[in-house]
Amino acid sequence: MLRNILSNEIFTILIIVGLAIVATAKLLAPKRFHDFMLVITNDRYLKIYARDQKFFDQFDALLFGNLTVSLSLFSLIIYRHITLINSIPINDMLKLLICIAVVILIKVLFERLIGSLFEIDKLTDHYLFQKITFKNYLGILLLPINAILLFSFQPTLPIIYGIIILLLIINTIGLISSFKTHQSLIKSNLFYFILYLCTLEIAPYIILYKVFISQ
């Protein structure tokens, strides 16, 4: 009797790549990494390192690399579960990884451009630092989650929905933290804030969802 055997070799390599990236970030800045891991319960990291941020930060760049790898892997796990496809071509994996990285980078650069046009670069940089920090934190959380879904048990839709809700909650905590920091400015410019939410925080994800569903 023939059995369909799931091949996790490529997925395992992606997990190892993610772990290597995170380990590199920790070796380069152990104190910062420790503060970063506590960001969900303590705003010390946001207060200290927001002042020293650069246009290109090596620590954030490494964690962003892990985010793209982990997010791509999680998306592929969901896709394999929904379609019941045992193997996914490496080319498709690389395309997804590059697509996620490009979409996030374009969004960040576009927000920086808007900040520059309205001469609020400092405010925009601080806000983006907080938002990117929480997204990178999600990348760290996805590492063990992906490993469990691959090697411990088969994912089910309730489990997948539960993980997605958890990730959305953490991302929302990050947004709320940013909004609380700038609440006085938001109150005085409520219309522009709502416009920003609709165009840059909600619309891109709706478009990506429509594209994914149509495929």
N, C-alpha and C. Protein backbone atom coordinates (compact mmCIF):
# COMPACT_ATOMS: atom_id res chain seq x y z
N MET A 1 0.85 -1.20 0.00
CA MET A 1 0.00 0.00 0.00
C MET A 1 0.89 1.25 0.00
N LEU A 2 0.62 2.18 -0.92
CA LEU A 2 1.39 3.40 -1.02
C LEU A 2 0.84 4.45 -0.06
N ARG A 3 1.76 5.17 0.58
CA ARG A 3 1.35 6.24 1.49
C ARG A 3 1.97 7.55 1.02
N ASN A 4 1.18 8.64 1.15
CA ASN A 4 1.70 9.96 0.84
C ASN A 4 2.50 10.46 2.03
N ILE A 5 3.78 10.68 1.84
CA ILE A 5 4.65 11.13 2.92
C ILE A 5 4.97 12.60 2.72
N LEU A 6 4.70 13.40 3.75
CA LEU A 6 4.98 14.82 3.67
C LEU A 6 6.48 15.05 3.81
N SER A 7 7.03 15.83 2.92
CA SER A 7 8.44 16.16 2.98
C SER A 7 8.62 17.52 3.64
N ASN A 8 9.34 17.51 4.76
CA ASN A 8 9.57 18.76 5.50
C ASN A 8 11.01 19.24 5.39
N GLU A 9 11.76 18.73 4.43
CA GLU A 9 13.18 19.06 4.35
C GLU A 9 13.39 20.56 4.11
N ILE A 10 12.69 21.12 3.12
CA ILE A 10 12.84 22.54 2.82
C ILE A 10 12.34 23.39 3.98
N PHE A 11 11.22 22.96 4.59
CA PHE A 11 10.67 23.69 5.73
C PHE A 11 11.66 23.68 6.89
N THR A 12 12.32 22.55 7.09
CA THR A 12 13.31 22.45 8.16
C THR A 12 14.48 23.40 7.91
N ILE A 13 14.89 23.49 6.65
CA ILE A 13 15.98 24.41 6.29
C ILE A 13 15.58 25.85 6.59
N LEU A 14 14.33 26.20 6.27
CA LEU A 14 13.86 27.56 6.54
C LEU A 14 13.85 27.86 8.04
N ILE A 15 13.45 26.89 8.85
CA ILE A 15 13.46 27.08 10.30
C ILE A 15 14.89 27.28 10.80
N ILE A 16 15.83 26.48 10.27
CA ILE A 16 17.24 26.62 10.67
C ILE A 16 17.78 27.98 10.25
N VAL A 17 17.39 28.44 9.06
CA VAL A 17 17.81 29.77 8.60
C VAL A 17 17.30 30.85 9.55
N GLY A 18 16.02 30.73 9.94
CA GLY A 18 15.45 31.69 10.88
C GLY A 18 16.17 31.68 12.22
N LEU A 19 16.45 30.49 12.74
CA LEU A 19 17.17 30.37 14.01
C LEU A 19 18.58 30.96 13.90
N ALA A 20 19.24 30.73 12.77
CA ALA A 20 20.59 31.27 12.57
C ALA A 20 20.56 32.80 12.55
N ILE A 21 19.55 33.37 11.90
CA ILE A 21 19.43 34.82 11.84
C ILE A 21 19.20 35.41 13.24
N VAL A 22 18.29 34.79 14.00
CA VAL A 22 18.01 35.27 15.36
C VAL A 22 19.24 35.12 16.25
N ALA A 23 19.95 34.00 16.12
CA ALA A 23 21.16 33.79 16.91
C ALA A 23 22.23 34.84 16.58
N THR A 24 22.34 35.19 15.31
CA THR A 24 23.29 36.23 14.90
C THR A 24 22.94 37.57 15.52
N ALA A 25 21.64 37.91 15.50
CA ALA A 25 21.19 39.17 16.11
C ALA A 25 21.51 39.20 17.60
N LYS A 26 21.31 38.07 18.27
CA LYS A 26 21.59 38.01 19.71
C LYS A 26 23.07 38.14 20.00
N LEU A 27 23.91 37.53 19.15
CA LEU A 27 25.36 37.62 19.34
C LEU A 27 25.87 39.05 19.12
N LEU A 28 25.29 39.73 18.15
CA LEU A 28 25.73 41.09 17.84
C LEU A 28 25.32 42.09 18.92
N ALA A 29 24.14 41.89 19.50
CA ALA A 29 23.65 42.84 20.52
C ALA A 29 22.87 42.09 21.59
N PRO A 30 23.58 41.39 22.49
CA PRO A 30 22.89 40.58 23.50
C PRO A 30 22.00 41.39 24.44
N LYS A 31 22.46 42.58 24.88
CA LYS A 31 21.65 43.40 25.78
C LYS A 31 20.39 43.90 25.08
N ARG A 32 20.55 44.35 23.86
CA ARG A 32 19.40 44.84 23.10
C ARG A 32 18.42 43.72 22.82
N PHE A 33 18.94 42.53 22.52
CA PHE A 33 18.07 41.39 22.25
C PHE A 33 17.25 41.03 23.49
N HIS A 34 17.89 41.09 24.65
CA HIS A 34 17.17 40.80 25.90
C HIS A 34 16.04 41.80 26.12
N ASP A 35 16.32 43.08 25.92
CA ASP A 35 15.28 44.10 26.06
C ASP A 35 14.18 43.92 25.02
N PHE A 36 14.59 43.52 23.82
CA PHE A 36 13.63 43.30 22.74
C PHE A 36 12.64 42.19 23.08
N MET A 37 13.11 41.13 23.69
CA MET A 37 12.24 40.00 24.02
C MET A 37 11.21 40.34 25.10
N LEU A 38 11.42 41.44 25.81
CA LEU A 38 10.48 41.86 26.85
C LEU A 38 9.57 43.00 26.38
N VAL A 39 9.62 43.31 25.09
CA VAL A 39 8.91 44.49 24.58
C VAL A 39 7.39 44.38 24.75
N ILE A 40 6.87 43.15 24.78
CA ILE A 40 5.42 42.96 24.88
C ILE A 40 4.90 43.36 26.25
N THR A 41 5.76 43.34 27.27
CA THR A 41 5.34 43.66 28.63
C THR A 41 6.03 44.90 29.20
N ASN A 42 7.05 45.39 28.49
CA ASN A 42 7.82 46.51 29.00
C ASN A 42 8.21 47.42 27.84
N ASP A 43 8.00 48.73 28.00
CA ASP A 43 8.31 49.67 26.92
C ASP A 43 9.73 50.22 27.01
N ARG A 44 10.57 49.59 27.82
CA ARG A 44 11.96 50.03 27.97
C ARG A 44 12.68 50.02 26.62
N TYR A 45 12.49 48.94 25.86
CA TYR A 45 13.15 48.82 24.56
C TYR A 45 12.76 49.97 23.64
N LEU A 46 11.48 50.28 23.59
CA LEU A 46 10.99 51.33 22.69
C LEU A 46 11.53 52.69 23.09
N LYS A 47 11.64 52.95 24.38
CA LYS A 47 12.11 54.26 24.85
C LYS A 47 13.60 54.44 24.62
N ILE A 48 14.37 53.38 24.83
CA ILE A 48 15.83 53.49 24.75
C ILE A 48 16.32 53.50 23.31
N TYR A 49 15.88 52.53 22.52
CA TYR A 49 16.47 52.32 21.20
C TYR A 49 15.81 53.15 20.11
N ALA A 50 14.67 53.76 20.40
CA ALA A 50 14.04 54.64 19.41
C ALA A 50 14.89 55.88 19.18
N ARG A 51 15.64 56.30 20.21
CA ARG A 51 16.46 57.50 20.10
C ARG A 51 17.69 57.28 19.21
N ASP A 52 18.14 56.03 19.14
CA ASP A 52 19.38 55.74 18.40
C ASP A 52 19.13 55.06 17.06
N GLN A 53 17.91 55.08 16.59
CA GLN A 53 17.60 54.36 15.36
C GLN A 53 18.23 55.04 14.15
N LYS A 54 18.53 54.22 13.14
CA LYS A 54 19.12 54.70 11.91
C LYS A 54 18.23 54.27 10.74
N PHE A 55 18.54 54.83 9.56
CA PHE A 55 17.76 54.43 8.38
C PHE A 55 17.95 52.95 8.11
N PHE A 56 19.20 52.47 8.28
CA PHE A 56 19.47 51.03 8.17
C PHE A 56 20.08 50.57 9.49
N ASP A 57 19.35 49.75 10.20
CA ASP A 57 19.79 49.22 11.48
C ASP A 57 20.06 47.73 11.32
N GLN A 58 21.28 47.31 11.62
CA GLN A 58 21.68 45.92 11.40
C GLN A 58 20.84 44.95 12.23
N PHE A 59 20.57 45.32 13.47
CA PHE A 59 19.78 44.47 14.36
C PHE A 59 18.36 44.29 13.82
N ASP A 60 17.71 45.39 13.46
CA ASP A 60 16.36 45.32 12.91
C ASP A 60 16.34 44.59 11.57
N ALA A 61 17.40 44.78 10.78
CA ALA A 61 17.46 44.13 9.47
C ALA A 61 17.52 42.61 9.62
N LEU A 62 18.28 42.13 10.59
CA LEU A 62 18.37 40.69 10.83
C LEU A 62 17.03 40.13 11.29
N LEU A 63 16.39 40.82 12.23
CA LEU A 63 15.09 40.34 12.71
C LEU A 63 14.03 40.43 11.62
N PHE A 64 14.16 41.42 10.74
CA PHE A 64 13.24 41.51 9.60
C PHE A 64 13.43 40.32 8.66
N GLY A 65 14.69 39.91 8.49
CA GLY A 65 14.95 38.72 7.68
C GLY A 65 14.28 37.49 8.26
N ASN A 66 14.36 37.34 9.58
CA ASN A 66 13.67 36.22 10.22
C ASN A 66 12.16 36.33 10.07
N LEU A 67 11.64 37.57 10.14
CA LEU A 67 10.20 37.77 9.98
C LEU A 67 9.72 37.28 8.62
N THR A 68 10.44 37.64 7.57
CA THR A 68 10.03 37.22 6.22
C THR A 68 10.10 35.70 6.07
N VAL A 69 11.15 35.10 6.63
CA VAL A 69 11.30 33.64 6.55
C VAL A 69 10.18 32.96 7.33
N SER A 70 9.95 33.40 8.57
CA SER A 70 8.95 32.76 9.43
C SER A 70 7.54 32.96 8.89
N LEU A 71 7.26 34.17 8.40
CA LEU A 71 5.93 34.45 7.87
C LEU A 71 5.68 33.66 6.59
N SER A 72 6.71 33.52 5.75
CA SER A 72 6.58 32.72 4.53
C SER A 72 6.32 31.26 4.88
N LEU A 73 7.05 30.75 5.85
CA LEU A 73 6.89 29.36 6.26
C LEU A 73 5.51 29.10 6.83
N PHE A 74 5.03 30.02 7.66
CA PHE A 74 3.69 29.87 8.23
C PHE A 74 2.62 29.90 7.13
N SER A 75 2.80 30.78 6.15
CA SER A 75 1.85 30.86 5.03
C SER A 75 1.86 29.56 4.23
N LEU A 76 3.04 28.99 4.03
CA LEU A 76 3.16 27.74 3.27
C LEU A 76 2.54 26.57 4.03
N ILE A 77 2.67 26.57 5.34
CA ILE A 77 2.04 25.51 6.15
C ILE A 77 0.53 25.58 6.01
N ILE A 78 -0.02 26.78 6.07
CA ILE A 78 -1.46 26.95 5.90
C ILE A 78 -1.89 26.52 4.49
N TYR A 79 -1.11 26.96 3.49
CA TYR A 79 -1.44 26.62 2.11
C TYR A 79 -1.42 25.11 1.89
N ARG A 80 -0.42 24.43 2.45
CA ARG A 80 -0.33 22.98 2.29
C ARG A 80 -1.49 22.27 2.98
N HIS A 81 -1.91 22.81 4.11
CA HIS A 81 -3.03 22.21 4.83
C HIS A 81 -4.34 22.39 4.06
N ILE A 82 -4.54 23.57 3.49
CA ILE A 82 -5.80 23.86 2.79
C ILE A 82 -5.89 23.10 1.47
N THR A 83 -4.78 23.06 0.72
CA THR A 83 -4.80 22.45 -0.62
C THR A 83 -4.49 20.96 -0.60
N LEU A 84 -3.98 20.46 0.54
CA LEU A 84 -3.59 19.05 0.67
C LEU A 84 -2.48 18.67 -0.29
N ILE A 85 -1.64 19.66 -0.63
CA ILE A 85 -0.49 19.40 -1.51
C ILE A 85 0.70 18.98 -0.64
N ASN A 86 1.31 17.84 -0.97
CA ASN A 86 2.40 17.32 -0.15
C ASN A 86 3.69 18.10 -0.31
N SER A 87 4.02 18.47 -1.53
CA SER A 87 5.29 19.16 -1.78
C SER A 87 5.04 20.48 -2.50
N ILE A 88 5.81 21.47 -2.15
CA ILE A 88 5.71 22.80 -2.75
C ILE A 88 7.04 23.11 -3.43
N PRO A 89 7.04 23.51 -4.69
CA PRO A 89 8.29 23.81 -5.40
C PRO A 89 9.10 24.90 -4.69
N ILE A 90 10.43 24.73 -4.73
CA ILE A 90 11.30 25.71 -4.08
C ILE A 90 11.13 27.09 -4.70
N ASN A 91 10.91 27.13 -6.01
CA ASN A 91 10.72 28.42 -6.68
C ASN A 91 9.53 29.17 -6.11
N ASP A 92 8.44 28.45 -5.84
CA ASP A 92 7.25 29.09 -5.27
C ASP A 92 7.53 29.60 -3.86
N MET A 93 8.33 28.86 -3.10
CA MET A 93 8.70 29.29 -1.75
C MET A 93 9.50 30.60 -1.81
N LEU A 94 10.47 30.63 -2.72
CA LEU A 94 11.31 31.82 -2.84
C LEU A 94 10.50 33.02 -3.32
N LYS A 95 9.57 32.78 -4.24
CA LYS A 95 8.72 33.87 -4.74
C LYS A 95 7.87 34.45 -3.61
N LEU A 96 7.32 33.57 -2.77
CA LEU A 96 6.51 34.03 -1.65
C LEU A 96 7.35 34.83 -0.67
N LEU A 97 8.54 34.32 -0.36
CA LEU A 97 9.43 35.00 0.59
C LEU A 97 9.80 36.39 0.07
N ILE A 98 10.18 36.46 -1.19
CA ILE A 98 10.55 37.75 -1.79
C ILE A 98 9.36 38.69 -1.84
N CYS A 99 8.19 38.15 -2.17
CA CYS A 99 6.98 38.96 -2.26
C CYS A 99 6.64 39.60 -0.90
N ILE A 100 6.71 38.80 0.17
CA ILE A 100 6.42 39.32 1.51
C ILE A 100 7.41 40.41 1.89
N ALA A 101 8.70 40.16 1.62
CA ALA A 101 9.73 41.15 1.96
C ALA A 101 9.52 42.45 1.18
N VAL A 102 9.22 42.32 -0.11
CA VAL A 102 9.05 43.51 -0.96
C VAL A 102 7.82 44.31 -0.53
N VAL A 103 6.72 43.63 -0.24
CA VAL A 103 5.49 44.33 0.17
C VAL A 103 5.71 45.12 1.46
N ILE A 104 6.36 44.49 2.44
CA ILE A 104 6.60 45.18 3.72
C ILE A 104 7.55 46.36 3.52
N LEU A 105 8.61 46.16 2.74
CA LEU A 105 9.59 47.23 2.52
C LEU A 105 8.97 48.41 1.77
N ILE A 106 8.17 48.11 0.75
CA ILE A 106 7.51 49.18 -0.02
C ILE A 106 6.58 49.98 0.89
N LYS A 107 5.85 49.28 1.75
CA LYS A 107 4.94 49.95 2.67
C LYS A 107 5.69 50.87 3.62
N VAL A 108 6.81 50.39 4.16
CA VAL A 108 7.61 51.20 5.09
C VAL A 108 8.19 52.41 4.36
N LEU A 109 8.74 52.21 3.17
CA LEU A 109 9.33 53.31 2.41
C LEU A 109 8.28 54.34 2.02
N PHE A 110 7.08 53.87 1.69
CA PHE A 110 5.99 54.78 1.34
C PHE A 110 5.59 55.63 2.53
N GLU A 111 5.55 55.02 3.71
CA GLU A 111 5.21 55.77 4.92
C GLU A 111 6.31 56.79 5.25
N ARG A 112 7.57 56.42 5.03
CA ARG A 112 8.66 57.37 5.23
C ARG A 112 8.56 58.53 4.24
N LEU A 113 8.15 58.24 3.01
CA LEU A 113 7.99 59.28 2.00
C LEU A 113 6.90 60.26 2.42
N ILE A 114 5.79 59.73 2.93
CA ILE A 114 4.70 60.59 3.39
C ILE A 114 5.17 61.47 4.55
N GLY A 115 5.93 60.87 5.47
CA GLY A 115 6.46 61.64 6.59
C GLY A 115 7.37 62.76 6.13
N SER A 116 8.15 62.48 5.09
CA SER A 116 9.05 63.50 4.55
C SER A 116 8.27 64.60 3.85
N LEU A 117 7.24 64.24 3.11
CA LEU A 117 6.43 65.23 2.39
C LEU A 117 5.72 66.19 3.33
N PHE A 118 5.24 65.66 4.46
CA PHE A 118 4.52 66.48 5.43
C PHE A 118 5.44 67.02 6.53
N GLU A 119 6.75 66.80 6.35
CA GLU A 119 7.76 67.31 7.28
C GLU A 119 7.53 66.85 8.71
N ILE A 120 7.23 65.57 8.84
CA ILE A 120 7.06 64.96 10.17
C ILE A 120 7.95 63.72 10.24
N ASP A 121 9.18 63.87 9.77
CA ASP A 121 10.10 62.73 9.68
C ASP A 121 10.36 62.11 11.06
N LYS A 122 10.58 62.94 12.05
CA LYS A 122 10.90 62.43 13.38
C LYS A 122 9.76 61.61 13.95
N LEU A 123 8.55 62.13 13.81
CA LEU A 123 7.36 61.42 14.30
C LEU A 123 7.17 60.12 13.54
N THR A 124 7.32 60.17 12.22
CA THR A 124 7.15 58.98 11.39
C THR A 124 8.18 57.90 11.72
N ASP A 125 9.43 58.33 11.90
CA ASP A 125 10.50 57.38 12.22
C ASP A 125 10.23 56.68 13.55
N HIS A 126 9.77 57.45 14.54
CA HIS A 126 9.49 56.88 15.86
C HIS A 126 8.33 55.89 15.77
N TYR A 127 7.30 56.26 15.03
CA TYR A 127 6.12 55.39 14.88
C TYR A 127 6.49 54.11 14.14
N LEU A 128 7.26 54.24 13.06
CA LEU A 128 7.65 53.06 12.29
C LEU A 128 8.56 52.15 13.10
N PHE A 129 9.41 52.74 13.93
CA PHE A 129 10.28 51.91 14.78
C PHE A 129 9.45 51.04 15.71
N GLN A 130 8.42 51.62 16.32
CA GLN A 130 7.56 50.85 17.21
C GLN A 130 6.82 49.75 16.45
N LYS A 131 6.30 50.10 15.28
CA LYS A 131 5.53 49.14 14.51
C LYS A 131 6.41 48.00 13.99
N ILE A 132 7.59 48.33 13.50
CA ILE A 132 8.51 47.31 13.00
C ILE A 132 8.98 46.40 14.13
N THR A 133 9.17 46.99 15.31
CA THR A 133 9.61 46.20 16.47
C THR A 133 8.61 45.11 16.79
N PHE A 134 7.33 45.43 16.81
CA PHE A 134 6.32 44.42 17.14
C PHE A 134 6.16 43.41 16.02
N LYS A 135 6.35 43.83 14.78
CA LYS A 135 6.31 42.87 13.67
C LYS A 135 7.47 41.89 13.77
N ASN A 136 8.66 42.39 14.10
CA ASN A 136 9.81 41.50 14.28
C ASN A 136 9.61 40.56 15.45
N TYR A 137 8.90 41.03 16.45
CA TYR A 137 8.57 40.16 17.60
C TYR A 137 7.68 39.01 17.16
N LEU A 138 6.76 39.30 16.25
CA LEU A 138 5.91 38.23 15.70
C LEU A 138 6.76 37.19 14.97
N GLY A 139 7.80 37.64 14.29
CA GLY A 139 8.69 36.71 13.60
C GLY A 139 9.37 35.76 14.56
N ILE A 140 9.75 36.26 15.75
CA ILE A 140 10.35 35.40 16.77
C ILE A 140 9.35 34.37 17.27
N LEU A 141 8.11 34.81 17.50
CA LEU A 141 7.08 33.90 17.99
C LEU A 141 6.75 32.81 16.98
N LEU A 142 6.82 33.15 15.70
CA LEU A 142 6.47 32.18 14.66
C LEU A 142 7.48 31.04 14.54
N LEU A 143 8.69 31.25 15.00
CA LEU A 143 9.70 30.19 14.91
C LEU A 143 9.27 28.92 15.64
N PRO A 144 8.97 28.97 16.95
CA PRO A 144 8.51 27.75 17.62
C PRO A 144 7.15 27.28 17.14
N ILE A 145 6.29 28.23 16.76
CA ILE A 145 4.96 27.85 16.28
C ILE A 145 5.08 27.02 15.00
N ASN A 146 5.91 27.46 14.07
CA ASN A 146 6.12 26.72 12.83
C ASN A 146 6.70 25.33 13.10
N ALA A 147 7.65 25.26 14.03
CA ALA A 147 8.27 23.98 14.35
C ALA A 147 7.24 23.01 14.93
N ILE A 148 6.36 23.52 15.79
CA ILE A 148 5.32 22.66 16.39
C ILE A 148 4.35 22.17 15.32
N LEU A 149 3.94 23.08 14.43
CA LEU A 149 2.99 22.70 13.38
C LEU A 149 3.60 21.69 12.41
N LEU A 150 4.90 21.74 12.23
CA LEU A 150 5.55 20.83 11.29
C LEU A 150 5.87 19.46 11.89
N PHE A 151 6.31 19.44 13.14
CA PHE A 151 6.87 18.21 13.68
C PHE A 151 6.11 17.60 14.85
N SER A 152 5.15 18.34 15.42
CA SER A 152 4.45 17.79 16.59
C SER A 152 3.07 17.24 16.23
N PHE A 153 2.29 17.99 15.49
CA PHE A 153 0.96 17.51 15.11
C PHE A 153 0.49 18.22 13.85
N GLN A 154 -0.46 17.62 13.19
CA GLN A 154 -1.02 18.21 11.98
C GLN A 154 -1.89 19.42 12.34
N PRO A 155 -1.69 20.53 11.65
CA PRO A 155 -2.51 21.71 11.96
C PRO A 155 -3.96 21.51 11.53
N THR A 156 -4.86 22.06 12.30
CA THR A 156 -6.27 22.07 11.96
C THR A 156 -6.72 23.52 11.81
N LEU A 157 -7.87 23.70 11.19
CA LEU A 157 -8.36 25.07 10.98
C LEU A 157 -8.55 25.84 12.29
N PRO A 158 -9.14 25.22 13.34
CA PRO A 158 -9.26 25.96 14.61
C PRO A 158 -7.91 26.39 15.17
N ILE A 159 -6.91 25.52 15.06
CA ILE A 159 -5.57 25.88 15.56
C ILE A 159 -4.98 27.01 14.73
N ILE A 160 -5.12 26.92 13.42
CA ILE A 160 -4.61 27.98 12.54
C ILE A 160 -5.28 29.30 12.83
N TYR A 161 -6.62 29.28 12.98
CA TYR A 161 -7.34 30.51 13.30
C TYR A 161 -6.90 31.06 14.65
N GLY A 162 -6.68 30.17 15.61
CA GLY A 162 -6.23 30.59 16.93
C GLY A 162 -4.88 31.28 16.88
N ILE A 163 -3.95 30.73 16.09
CA ILE A 163 -2.62 31.32 15.95
C ILE A 163 -2.72 32.69 15.26
N ILE A 164 -3.52 32.76 14.21
CA ILE A 164 -3.69 34.03 13.49
C ILE A 164 -4.28 35.09 14.42
N ILE A 165 -5.27 34.72 15.22
CA ILE A 165 -5.86 35.66 16.16
C ILE A 165 -4.83 36.13 17.18
N LEU A 166 -3.98 35.20 17.67
CA LEU A 166 -2.93 35.56 18.61
C LEU A 166 -1.96 36.57 17.99
N LEU A 167 -1.56 36.32 16.75
CA LEU A 167 -0.65 37.23 16.07
C LEU A 167 -1.29 38.60 15.86
N LEU A 168 -2.58 38.61 15.51
CA LEU A 168 -3.28 39.88 15.32
C LEU A 168 -3.40 40.65 16.63
N ILE A 169 -3.61 39.93 17.73
CA ILE A 169 -3.70 40.59 19.04
C ILE A 169 -2.38 41.27 19.39
N ILE A 170 -1.27 40.56 19.18
CA ILE A 170 0.04 41.13 19.49
C ILE A 170 0.33 42.32 18.59
N ASN A 171 -0.03 42.21 17.31
CA ASN A 171 0.16 43.33 16.39
C ASN A 171 -0.69 44.52 16.80
N THR A 172 -1.91 44.25 17.28
CA THR A 172 -2.80 45.31 17.75
C THR A 172 -2.24 45.98 18.99
N ILE A 173 -1.64 45.19 19.89
CA ILE A 173 -1.00 45.76 21.08
C ILE A 173 0.09 46.75 20.67
N GLY A 174 0.85 46.38 19.64
CA GLY A 174 1.88 47.26 19.14
C GLY A 174 1.31 48.56 18.59
N LEU A 175 0.21 48.46 17.82
CA LEU A 175 -0.42 49.66 17.28
C LEU A 175 -0.98 50.54 18.38
N ILE A 176 -1.62 49.91 19.37
CA ILE A 176 -2.19 50.68 20.49
C ILE A 176 -1.09 51.40 21.26
N SER A 177 0.04 50.70 21.45
CA SER A 177 1.17 51.32 22.14
C SER A 177 1.66 52.55 21.39
N SER A 178 1.72 52.46 20.06
CA SER A 178 2.14 53.60 19.25
C SER A 178 1.12 54.73 19.33
N PHE A 179 -0.16 54.38 19.29
CA PHE A 179 -1.21 55.39 19.33
C PHE A 179 -1.23 56.11 20.67
N LYS A 180 -0.99 55.36 21.75
CA LYS A 180 -0.97 55.98 23.08
C LYS A 180 0.18 56.97 23.20
N THR A 181 1.30 56.64 22.59
CA THR A 181 2.46 57.52 22.64
C THR A 181 2.16 58.85 21.95
N HIS A 182 1.36 58.80 20.88
CA HIS A 182 1.07 60.01 20.10
C HIS A 182 -0.41 60.39 20.16
N GLN A 183 -1.07 60.08 21.27
CA GLN A 183 -2.51 60.30 21.35
C GLN A 183 -2.90 61.78 21.24
N SER A 184 -2.10 62.67 21.77
CA SER A 184 -2.43 64.09 21.69
C SER A 184 -2.42 64.57 20.25
N LEU A 185 -1.42 64.09 19.49
CA LEU A 185 -1.33 64.47 18.08
C LEU A 185 -2.46 63.84 17.28
N ILE A 186 -2.83 62.61 17.62
CA ILE A 186 -3.91 61.92 16.91
C ILE A 186 -5.24 62.62 17.13
N LYS A 187 -5.51 63.04 18.36
CA LYS A 187 -6.78 63.72 18.68
C LYS A 187 -6.93 65.02 17.90
N SER A 188 -5.84 65.70 17.71
CA SER A 188 -5.91 66.98 16.98
C SER A 188 -5.94 66.80 15.47
N ASN A 189 -5.67 65.59 15.01
CA ASN A 189 -5.69 65.31 13.57
C ASN A 189 -6.44 64.00 13.32
N LEU A 190 -7.62 63.88 13.91
CA LEU A 190 -8.37 62.62 13.88
C LEU A 190 -8.73 62.21 12.46
N PHE A 191 -9.12 63.16 11.61
CA PHE A 191 -9.51 62.83 10.25
C PHE A 191 -8.35 62.20 9.48
N TYR A 192 -7.16 62.81 9.58
CA TYR A 192 -5.99 62.30 8.88
C TYR A 192 -5.57 60.94 9.44
N PHE A 193 -5.78 60.76 10.75
CA PHE A 193 -5.44 59.48 11.36
C PHE A 193 -6.34 58.37 10.81
N ILE A 194 -7.65 58.64 10.72
CA ILE A 194 -8.58 57.65 10.16
C ILE A 194 -8.25 57.36 8.70
N LEU A 195 -7.90 58.41 7.97
CA LEU A 195 -7.51 58.25 6.56
C LEU A 195 -6.27 57.38 6.44
N TYR A 196 -5.33 57.59 7.35
CA TYR A 196 -4.10 56.79 7.36
C TYR A 196 -4.43 55.32 7.62
N LEU A 197 -5.27 55.06 8.62
CA LEU A 197 -5.63 53.68 8.95
C LEU A 197 -6.25 52.97 7.75
N CYS A 198 -7.13 53.67 7.06
CA CYS A 198 -7.85 53.04 5.94
C CYS A 198 -6.92 52.77 4.76
N THR A 199 -6.01 53.69 4.48
CA THR A 199 -5.19 53.58 3.27
C THR A 199 -3.93 52.74 3.46
N LEU A 200 -3.30 52.86 4.63
CA LEU A 200 -2.00 52.21 4.82
C LEU A 200 -2.01 51.04 5.78
N GLU A 201 -3.02 50.91 6.61
CA GLU A 201 -3.04 49.81 7.57
C GLU A 201 -4.09 48.75 7.24
N ILE A 202 -5.16 49.14 6.58
CA ILE A 202 -6.25 48.20 6.31
C ILE A 202 -6.29 47.80 4.83
N ALA A 203 -6.26 48.78 3.95
CA ALA A 203 -6.40 48.52 2.51
C ALA A 203 -5.37 47.55 1.95
N PRO A 204 -4.06 47.67 2.29
CA PRO A 204 -3.09 46.73 1.71
C PRO A 204 -3.38 45.26 2.03
N TYR A 205 -3.84 45.01 3.27
CA TYR A 205 -4.14 43.62 3.65
C TYR A 205 -5.40 43.11 2.97
N ILE A 206 -6.37 43.99 2.74
CA ILE A 206 -7.58 43.59 2.01
C ILE A 206 -7.23 43.24 0.57
N ILE A 207 -6.36 44.04 -0.03
CA ILE A 207 -5.94 43.79 -1.41
C ILE A 207 -5.19 42.46 -1.50
N LEU A 208 -4.27 42.22 -0.57
CA LEU A 208 -3.54 40.95 -0.57
C LEU A 208 -4.47 39.77 -0.36
N TYR A 209 -5.46 39.94 0.49
CA TYR A 209 -6.44 38.86 0.73
C TYR A 209 -7.24 38.56 -0.54
N LYS A 210 -7.66 39.61 -1.25
CA LYS A 210 -8.41 39.43 -2.49
C LYS A 210 -7.55 38.72 -3.54
N VAL A 211 -6.27 39.13 -3.61
CA VAL A 211 -5.37 38.50 -4.59
C VAL A 211 -5.18 37.03 -4.27
N PHE A 212 -5.00 36.74 -2.98
CA PHE A 212 -4.79 35.34 -2.56
C PHE A 212 -6.03 34.49 -2.85
N ILE A 213 -7.20 35.03 -2.56
CA ILE A 213 -8.45 34.29 -2.79
C ILE A 213 -8.67 34.06 -4.29
N SER A 214 -8.36 35.07 -5.10
CA SER A 214 -8.58 34.94 -6.54
C SER A 214 -7.66 33.90 -7.17
N GLN A 215 -6.47 33.71 -6.53
CA GLN A 215 -5.53 32.70 -7.05
C GLN A 215 -5.98 31.30 -6.71
